[in-house]
PDB file of all heavy atoms in Angstrom:
ATOM      1  N   THR A   1       0.844  -1.199   0.002  1.00  0.00           N
ATOM      2  CA  THR A   1      -0.002  -0.003   0.002  1.00  0.00           C
ATOM      3  C   THR A   1       0.878   1.246   0.000  1.00  0.00           C
ATOM      4  O   THR A   1       1.917   1.295   0.675  1.00  0.00           O
ATOM      5  CB  THR A   1      -0.943   0.051   1.223  1.00  0.00           C
ATOM      6  OG1 THR A   1      -0.173   0.071   2.425  1.00  0.00           O
ATOM      7  CG2 THR A   1      -1.869  -1.150   1.235  1.00  0.00           C
ATOM      8  N   PHE A   2       0.452   2.235  -0.781  1.00  0.00           N
ATOM      9  CA  PHE A   2       1.117   3.523  -0.856  1.00  0.00           C
ATOM     10  C   PHE A   2       0.046   4.585  -0.620  1.00  0.00           C
ATOM     11  O   PHE A   2      -0.833   4.789  -1.475  1.00  0.00           O
ATOM     12  CB  PHE A   2       1.761   3.727  -2.229  1.00  0.00           C
ATOM     13  CG  PHE A   2       2.789   2.697  -2.609  1.00  0.00           C
ATOM     14  CD1 PHE A   2       2.413   1.501  -3.208  1.00  0.00           C
ATOM     15  CD2 PHE A   2       4.134   2.929  -2.378  1.00  0.00           C
ATOM     16  CE1 PHE A   2       3.348   0.550  -3.554  1.00  0.00           C
ATOM     17  CE2 PHE A   2       5.093   1.987  -2.736  1.00  0.00           C
ATOM     18  CZ  PHE A   2       4.689   0.790  -3.322  1.00  0.00           C
ATOM     19  N   ASN A   3       0.090   5.254   0.508  1.00  0.00           N
ATOM     20  CA  ASN A   3      -0.895   6.270   0.868  1.00  0.00           C
ATOM     21  C   ASN A   3      -0.215   7.614   1.106  1.00  0.00           C
ATOM     22  O   ASN A   3       0.740   7.702   1.872  1.00  0.00           O
ATOM     23  CB  ASN A   3      -1.662   5.869   2.143  1.00  0.00           C
ATOM     24  CG  ASN A   3      -2.566   4.676   1.915  1.00  0.00           C
ATOM     25  OD1 ASN A   3      -3.217   4.565   0.883  1.00  0.00           O
ATOM     26  ND2 ASN A   3      -2.595   3.766   2.868  1.00  0.00           N
ATOM     27  N   ASN A   4      -0.727   8.629   0.427  1.00  0.00           N
ATOM     28  CA  ASN A   4      -0.227   9.989   0.608  1.00  0.00           C
ATOM     29  C   ASN A   4       1.287  10.062   0.378  1.00  0.00           C
ATOM     30  O   ASN A   4       2.041  10.586   1.197  1.00  0.00           O
ATOM     31  CB  ASN A   4      -0.575  10.514   2.007  1.00  0.00           C
ATOM     32  CG  ASN A   4      -0.351  12.018   2.115  1.00  0.00           C
ATOM     33  OD1 ASN A   4      -0.444  12.748   1.128  1.00  0.00           O
ATOM     34  ND2 ASN A   4      -0.029  12.483   3.303  1.00  0.00           N
ATOM     35  N   ILE A   5       1.718   9.537  -0.760  1.00  0.00           N
ATOM     36  CA  ILE A   5       3.109   9.657  -1.187  1.00  0.00           C
ATOM     37  C   ILE A   5       3.192  10.791  -2.193  1.00  0.00           C
ATOM     38  O   ILE A   5       2.405  10.842  -3.143  1.00  0.00           O
ATOM     39  CB  ILE A   5       3.612   8.348  -1.818  1.00  0.00           C
ATOM     40  CG1 ILE A   5       3.273   7.134  -0.936  1.00  0.00           C
ATOM     41  CG2 ILE A   5       5.106   8.443  -2.088  1.00  0.00           C
ATOM     42  CD1 ILE A   5       3.933   7.124   0.405  1.00  0.00           C
ATOM     43  N   SER A   6       4.120  11.701  -2.006  1.00  0.00           N
ATOM     44  CA  SER A   6       4.255  12.861  -2.895  1.00  0.00           C
ATOM     45  C   SER A   6       5.625  12.858  -3.554  1.00  0.00           C
ATOM     46  O   SER A   6       6.656  12.935  -2.877  1.00  0.00           O
ATOM     47  CB  SER A   6       4.064  14.159  -2.106  1.00  0.00           C
ATOM     48  OG  SER A   6       4.279  15.277  -2.930  1.00  0.00           O
ATOM     49  N   PHE A   7       5.634  12.745  -4.882  1.00  0.00           N
ATOM     50  CA  PHE A   7       6.878  12.844  -5.646  1.00  0.00           C
ATOM     51  C   PHE A   7       6.983  14.279  -6.148  1.00  0.00           C
ATOM     52  O   PHE A   7       6.346  14.673  -7.129  1.00  0.00           O
ATOM     53  CB  PHE A   7       6.867  11.847  -6.807  1.00  0.00           C
ATOM     54  CG  PHE A   7       6.880  10.417  -6.362  1.00  0.00           C
ATOM     55  CD1 PHE A   7       5.683   9.746  -6.122  1.00  0.00           C
ATOM     56  CD2 PHE A   7       8.071   9.730  -6.154  1.00  0.00           C
ATOM     57  CE1 PHE A   7       5.670   8.422  -5.706  1.00  0.00           C
ATOM     58  CE2 PHE A   7       8.070   8.413  -5.731  1.00  0.00           C
ATOM     59  CZ  PHE A   7       6.876   7.756  -5.501  1.00  0.00           C
ATOM     60  N   THR A   8       7.775  15.074  -5.454  1.00  0.00           N
ATOM     61  CA  THR A   8       7.864  16.503  -5.706  1.00  0.00           C
ATOM     62  C   THR A   8       9.332  16.926  -5.642  1.00  0.00           C
ATOM     63  O   THR A   8      10.009  16.655  -4.634  1.00  0.00           O
ATOM     64  CB  THR A   8       7.078  17.308  -4.650  1.00  0.00           C
ATOM     65  OG1 THR A   8       5.751  16.791  -4.551  1.00  0.00           O
ATOM     66  CG2 THR A   8       7.016  18.768  -5.005  1.00  0.00           C
ATOM     67  N   PRO A   9       9.876  17.590  -6.662  1.00  0.00           N
ATOM     68  CA  PRO A   9      11.279  17.990  -6.620  1.00  0.00           C
ATOM     69  C   PRO A   9      11.577  18.938  -5.450  1.00  0.00           C
ATOM     70  O   PRO A   9      10.715  19.710  -5.018  1.00  0.00           O
ATOM     71  CB  PRO A   9      11.491  18.702  -7.957  1.00  0.00           C
ATOM     72  CG  PRO A   9      10.387  18.211  -8.830  1.00  0.00           C
ATOM     73  CD  PRO A   9       9.220  17.960  -7.920  1.00  0.00           C
ATOM     74  N   ALA A  10      12.801  18.855  -4.947  1.00  0.00           N
ATOM     75  CA  ALA A  10      13.249  19.761  -3.889  1.00  0.00           C
ATOM     76  C   ALA A  10      13.382  21.178  -4.427  1.00  0.00           C
ATOM     77  O   ALA A  10      13.477  21.403  -5.640  1.00  0.00           O
ATOM     78  CB  ALA A  10      14.592  19.280  -3.330  1.00  0.00           C
ATOM     79  N   LYS A  11      13.379  22.142  -3.529  1.00  0.00           N
ATOM     80  CA  LYS A  11      13.532  23.541  -3.905  1.00  0.00           C
ATOM     81  C   LYS A  11      14.832  23.720  -4.688  1.00  0.00           C
ATOM     82  O   LYS A  11      15.895  23.253  -4.279  1.00  0.00           O
ATOM     83  CB  LYS A  11      13.549  24.421  -2.655  1.00  0.00           C
ATOM     84  CG  LYS A  11      13.596  25.911  -2.959  1.00  0.00           C
ATOM     85  CD  LYS A  11      13.572  26.738  -1.685  1.00  0.00           C
ATOM     86  CE  LYS A  11      13.636  28.224  -1.998  1.00  0.00           C
ATOM     87  NZ  LYS A  11      13.630  29.048  -0.766  1.00  0.00           N
ATOM     88  N   GLY A  12      14.726  24.397  -5.840  1.00  0.00           N
ATOM     89  CA  GLY A  12      15.908  24.627  -6.672  1.00  0.00           C
ATOM     90  C   GLY A  12      16.134  23.559  -7.725  1.00  0.00           C
ATOM     91  O   GLY A  12      17.027  23.692  -8.563  1.00  0.00           O
ATOM     92  N   TYR A  13      15.331  22.479  -7.659  1.00  0.00           N
ATOM     93  CA  TYR A  13      15.458  21.392  -8.634  1.00  0.00           C
ATOM     94  C   TYR A  13      14.132  21.170  -9.351  1.00  0.00           C
ATOM     95  O   TYR A  13      13.089  21.667  -8.929  1.00  0.00           O
ATOM     96  CB  TYR A  13      15.909  20.106  -7.941  1.00  0.00           C
ATOM     97  CG  TYR A  13      17.357  20.140  -7.506  1.00  0.00           C
ATOM     98  CD1 TYR A  13      17.721  20.602  -6.248  1.00  0.00           C
ATOM     99  CD2 TYR A  13      18.366  19.720  -8.357  1.00  0.00           C
ATOM    100  CE1 TYR A  13      19.051  20.642  -5.849  1.00  0.00           C
ATOM    101  CE2 TYR A  13      19.706  19.765  -7.982  1.00  0.00           C
ATOM    102  CZ  TYR A  13      20.036  20.233  -6.720  1.00  0.00           C
ATOM    103  OH  TYR A  13      21.351  20.272  -6.338  1.00  0.00           O
ATOM    104  N   HIS A  14      14.197  20.388 -10.443  1.00  0.00           N
ATOM    105  CA  HIS A  14      13.018  20.217 -11.287  1.00  0.00           C
ATOM    106  C   HIS A  14      12.655  18.760 -11.522  1.00  0.00           C
ATOM    107  O   HIS A  14      11.644  18.486 -12.190  1.00  0.00           O
ATOM    108  CB  HIS A  14      13.247  20.894 -12.652  1.00  0.00           C
ATOM    109  CG  HIS A  14      13.455  22.371 -12.557  1.00  0.00           C
ATOM    110  ND1 HIS A  14      14.670  22.930 -12.216  1.00  0.00           N
ATOM    111  CD2 HIS A  14      12.589  23.414 -12.732  1.00  0.00           C
ATOM    112  CE1 HIS A  14      14.552  24.241 -12.198  1.00  0.00           C
ATOM    113  NE2 HIS A  14      13.316  24.569 -12.508  1.00  0.00           N
ATOM    114  N   VAL A  15      13.437  17.811 -11.027  1.00  0.00           N
ATOM    115  CA  VAL A  15      13.217  16.384 -11.314  1.00  0.00           C
ATOM    116  C   VAL A  15      13.022  15.624 -10.006  1.00  0.00           C
ATOM    117  O   VAL A  15      13.806  15.782  -9.066  1.00  0.00           O
ATOM    118  CB  VAL A  15      14.403  15.775 -12.092  1.00  0.00           C
ATOM    119  CG1 VAL A  15      14.130  14.325 -12.451  1.00  0.00           C
ATOM    120  CG2 VAL A  15      14.672  16.584 -13.365  1.00  0.00           C
ATOM    121  N   SER A  16      11.983  14.788  -9.955  1.00  0.00           N
ATOM    122  CA  SER A  16      11.676  14.044  -8.724  1.00  0.00           C
ATOM    123  C   SER A  16      12.172  12.610  -8.750  1.00  0.00           C
ATOM    124  O   SER A  16      12.186  11.947  -7.718  1.00  0.00           O
ATOM    125  CB  SER A  16      10.157  14.029  -8.487  1.00  0.00           C
ATOM    126  OG  SER A  16       9.499  13.288  -9.498  1.00  0.00           O
ATOM    127  N   SER A  17      12.575  12.101  -9.917  1.00  0.00           N
ATOM    128  CA  SER A  17      13.045  10.722  -9.989  1.00  0.00           C
ATOM    129  C   SER A  17      13.925  10.537 -11.225  1.00  0.00           C
ATOM    130  O   SER A  17      13.640  11.100 -12.285  1.00  0.00           O
ATOM    131  CB  SER A  17      11.878   9.738 -10.057  1.00  0.00           C
ATOM    132  OG  SER A  17      12.346   8.404 -10.225  1.00  0.00           O
ATOM    133  N   PHE A  18      14.958   9.728 -11.075  1.00  0.00           N
ATOM    134  CA  PHE A  18      15.856   9.395 -12.179  1.00  0.00           C
ATOM    135  C   PHE A  18      15.070   8.810 -13.349  1.00  0.00           C
ATOM    136  O   PHE A  18      15.389   9.039 -14.512  1.00  0.00           O
ATOM    137  CB  PHE A  18      16.882   8.386 -11.680  1.00  0.00           C
ATOM    138  CG  PHE A  18      18.004   8.087 -12.637  1.00  0.00           C
ATOM    139  CD1 PHE A  18      19.234   8.701 -12.511  1.00  0.00           C
ATOM    140  CD2 PHE A  18      17.849   7.145 -13.655  1.00  0.00           C
ATOM    141  CE1 PHE A  18      20.273   8.410 -13.382  1.00  0.00           C
ATOM    142  CE2 PHE A  18      18.861   6.843 -14.532  1.00  0.00           C
ATOM    143  CZ  PHE A  18      20.085   7.490 -14.399  1.00  0.00           C
ATOM    144  N   ALA A  19      14.017   8.007 -13.054  1.00  0.00           N
ATOM    145  CA  ALA A  19      13.172   7.416 -14.108  1.00  0.00           C
ATOM    146  C   ALA A  19      11.721   7.414 -13.634  1.00  0.00           C
ATOM    147  O   ALA A  19      11.144   8.469 -13.422  1.00  0.00           O
ATOM    148  CB  ALA A  19      13.670   6.015 -14.467  1.00  0.00           C
ATOM    149  N   ASP A  20      11.135   6.221 -13.409  1.00  0.00           N
ATOM    150  CA  ASP A  20       9.753   6.129 -12.945  1.00  0.00           C
ATOM    151  C   ASP A  20       9.632   6.584 -11.491  1.00  0.00           C
ATOM    152  O   ASP A  20      10.637   6.687 -10.771  1.00  0.00           O
ATOM    153  CB  ASP A  20       9.241   4.683 -13.036  1.00  0.00           C
ATOM    154  CG  ASP A  20       9.239   4.161 -14.452  1.00  0.00           C
ATOM    155  OD1 ASP A  20       9.479   4.938 -15.389  1.00  0.00           O
ATOM    156  OD2 ASP A  20       9.005   2.943 -14.613  1.00  0.00           O
ATOM    157  N   CYS A  21       8.384   6.788 -11.056  1.00  0.00           N
ATOM    158  CA  CYS A  21       8.134   7.028  -9.631  1.00  0.00           C
ATOM    159  C   CYS A  21       7.930   5.689  -8.910  1.00  0.00           C
ATOM    160  O   CYS A  21       8.784   5.251  -8.166  1.00  0.00           O
ATOM    161  CB  CYS A  21       6.939   7.949  -9.445  1.00  0.00           C
ATOM    162  SG  CYS A  21       7.203   9.654  -9.997  1.00  0.00           S
ATOM    163  N   ILE A  22       6.786   5.034  -9.140  1.00  0.00           N
ATOM    164  CA  ILE A  22       6.525   3.721  -8.540  1.00  0.00           C
ATOM    165  C   ILE A  22       6.547   2.665  -9.643  1.00  0.00           C
ATOM    166  O   ILE A  22       5.839   2.788 -10.638  1.00  0.00           O
ATOM    167  CB  ILE A  22       5.170   3.700  -7.814  1.00  0.00           C
ATOM    168  CG1 ILE A  22       5.221   4.567  -6.559  1.00  0.00           C
ATOM    169  CG2 ILE A  22       4.776   2.267  -7.439  1.00  0.00           C
ATOM    170  CD1 ILE A  22       3.901   4.660  -5.797  1.00  0.00           C
ATOM    171  N   HIS A  23       7.370   1.642  -9.436  1.00  0.00           N
ATOM    172  CA  HIS A  23       7.495   0.558 -10.418  1.00  0.00           C
ATOM    173  C   HIS A  23       7.281  -0.763  -9.693  1.00  0.00           C
ATOM    174  O   HIS A  23       7.976  -1.086  -8.744  1.00  0.00           O
ATOM    175  CB  HIS A  23       8.874   0.588 -11.072  1.00  0.00           C
ATOM    176  CG  HIS A  23       8.969  -0.205 -12.336  1.00  0.00           C
ATOM    177  ND1 HIS A  23       8.983   0.353 -13.588  1.00  0.00           N
ATOM    178  CD2 HIS A  23       9.021  -1.539 -12.543  1.00  0.00           C
ATOM    179  CE1 HIS A  23       9.054  -0.586 -14.506  1.00  0.00           C
ATOM    180  NE2 HIS A  23       9.077  -1.750 -13.895  1.00  0.00           N
ATOM    181  N   ILE A  24       6.300  -1.531 -10.161  1.00  0.00           N
ATOM    182  CA  ILE A  24       5.925  -2.813  -9.541  1.00  0.00           C
ATOM    183  C   ILE A  24       6.138  -3.910 -10.569  1.00  0.00           C
ATOM    184  O   ILE A  24       5.531  -3.885 -11.654  1.00  0.00           O
ATOM    185  CB  ILE A  24       4.443  -2.818  -9.111  1.00  0.00           C
ATOM    186  CG1 ILE A  24       4.098  -1.565  -8.281  1.00  0.00           C
ATOM    187  CG2 ILE A  24       4.100  -4.111  -8.388  1.00  0.00           C
ATOM    188  CD1 ILE A  24       4.612  -1.559  -6.879  1.00  0.00           C
ATOM    189  N   CYS A  25       6.966  -4.894 -10.257  1.00  0.00           N
ATOM    190  CA  CYS A  25       7.216  -6.007 -11.184  1.00  0.00           C
ATOM    191  C   CYS A  25       7.037  -7.332 -10.463  1.00  0.00           C
ATOM    192  O   CYS A  25       7.690  -7.582  -9.442  1.00  0.00           O
ATOM    193  CB  CYS A  25       8.618  -5.918 -11.769  1.00  0.00           C
ATOM    194  SG  CYS A  25       9.048  -7.317 -12.840  1.00  0.00           S
ATOM    195  N   GLY A  26       6.174  -8.198 -10.993  1.00  0.00           N
ATOM    196  CA  GLY A  26       6.022  -9.543 -10.464  1.00  0.00           C
ATOM    197  C   GLY A  26       5.573  -9.559  -9.022  1.00  0.00           C
ATOM    198  O   GLY A  26       6.181 -10.227  -8.188  1.00  0.00           O
ATOM    199  N   CYS A  27       4.519  -8.854  -8.701  1.00  0.00           N
ATOM    200  CA  CYS A  27       4.004  -8.846  -7.333  1.00  0.00           C
ATOM    201  C   CYS A  27       2.619  -9.489  -7.304  1.00  0.00           C
ATOM    202  O   CYS A  27       1.935  -9.580  -8.321  1.00  0.00           O
ATOM    203  CB  CYS A  27       3.947  -7.415  -6.778  1.00  0.00           C
ATOM    204  SG  CYS A  27       5.608  -6.714  -6.498  1.00  0.00           S
ATOM    205  N   LYS A  28       2.206  -9.929  -6.116  1.00  0.00           N
ATOM    206  CA  LYS A  28       0.907 -10.615  -5.981  1.00  0.00           C
ATOM    207  C   LYS A  28       0.136 -10.039  -4.804  1.00  0.00           C
ATOM    208  O   LYS A  28       0.581  -9.092  -4.155  1.00  0.00           O
ATOM    209  CB  LYS A  28       1.109 -12.123  -5.811  1.00  0.00           C
ATOM    210  CG  LYS A  28       1.813 -12.539  -4.517  1.00  0.00           C
ATOM    211  CD  LYS A  28       1.913 -14.062  -4.441  1.00  0.00           C
ATOM    212  CE  LYS A  28       2.573 -14.507  -3.140  1.00  0.00           C
ATOM    213  NZ  LYS A  28       2.642 -15.979  -3.033  1.00  0.00           N
ATOM    214  N   GLY A  29      -1.040 -10.632  -4.559  1.00  0.00           N
ATOM    215  CA  GLY A  29      -1.885 -10.071  -3.506  1.00  0.00           C
ATOM    216  C   GLY A  29      -2.546  -8.808  -4.023  1.00  0.00           C
ATOM    217  O   GLY A  29      -3.273  -8.856  -5.011  1.00  0.00           O
ATOM    218  N   TYR A  30      -2.266  -7.687  -3.363  1.00  0.00           N
ATOM    219  CA  TYR A  30      -2.844  -6.429  -3.823  1.00  0.00           C
ATOM    220  C   TYR A  30      -1.781  -5.345  -3.864  1.00  0.00           C
ATOM    221  O   TYR A  30      -0.783  -5.377  -3.146  1.00  0.00           O
ATOM    222  CB  TYR A  30      -4.008  -5.998  -2.928  1.00  0.00           C
ATOM    223  CG  TYR A  30      -3.664  -5.811  -1.466  1.00  0.00           C
ATOM    224  CD1 TYR A  30      -2.962  -4.685  -1.023  1.00  0.00           C
ATOM    225  CD2 TYR A  30      -4.044  -6.759  -0.508  1.00  0.00           C
ATOM    226  CE1 TYR A  30      -2.642  -4.512   0.313  1.00  0.00           C
ATOM    227  CE2 TYR A  30      -3.727  -6.585   0.837  1.00  0.00           C
ATOM    228  CZ  TYR A  30      -3.022  -5.459   1.234  1.00  0.00           C
ATOM    229  OH  TYR A  30      -2.704  -5.285   2.566  1.00  0.00           O
TER     230      TYR A  30
END
């Protein structure tokens, strides 16, 4: 579960992640 997660660049910067934000591969359940 991911609740109230904010991907927001720091002051003075413009990029929040090198690539994707959340990446899910081969997971089960929910």
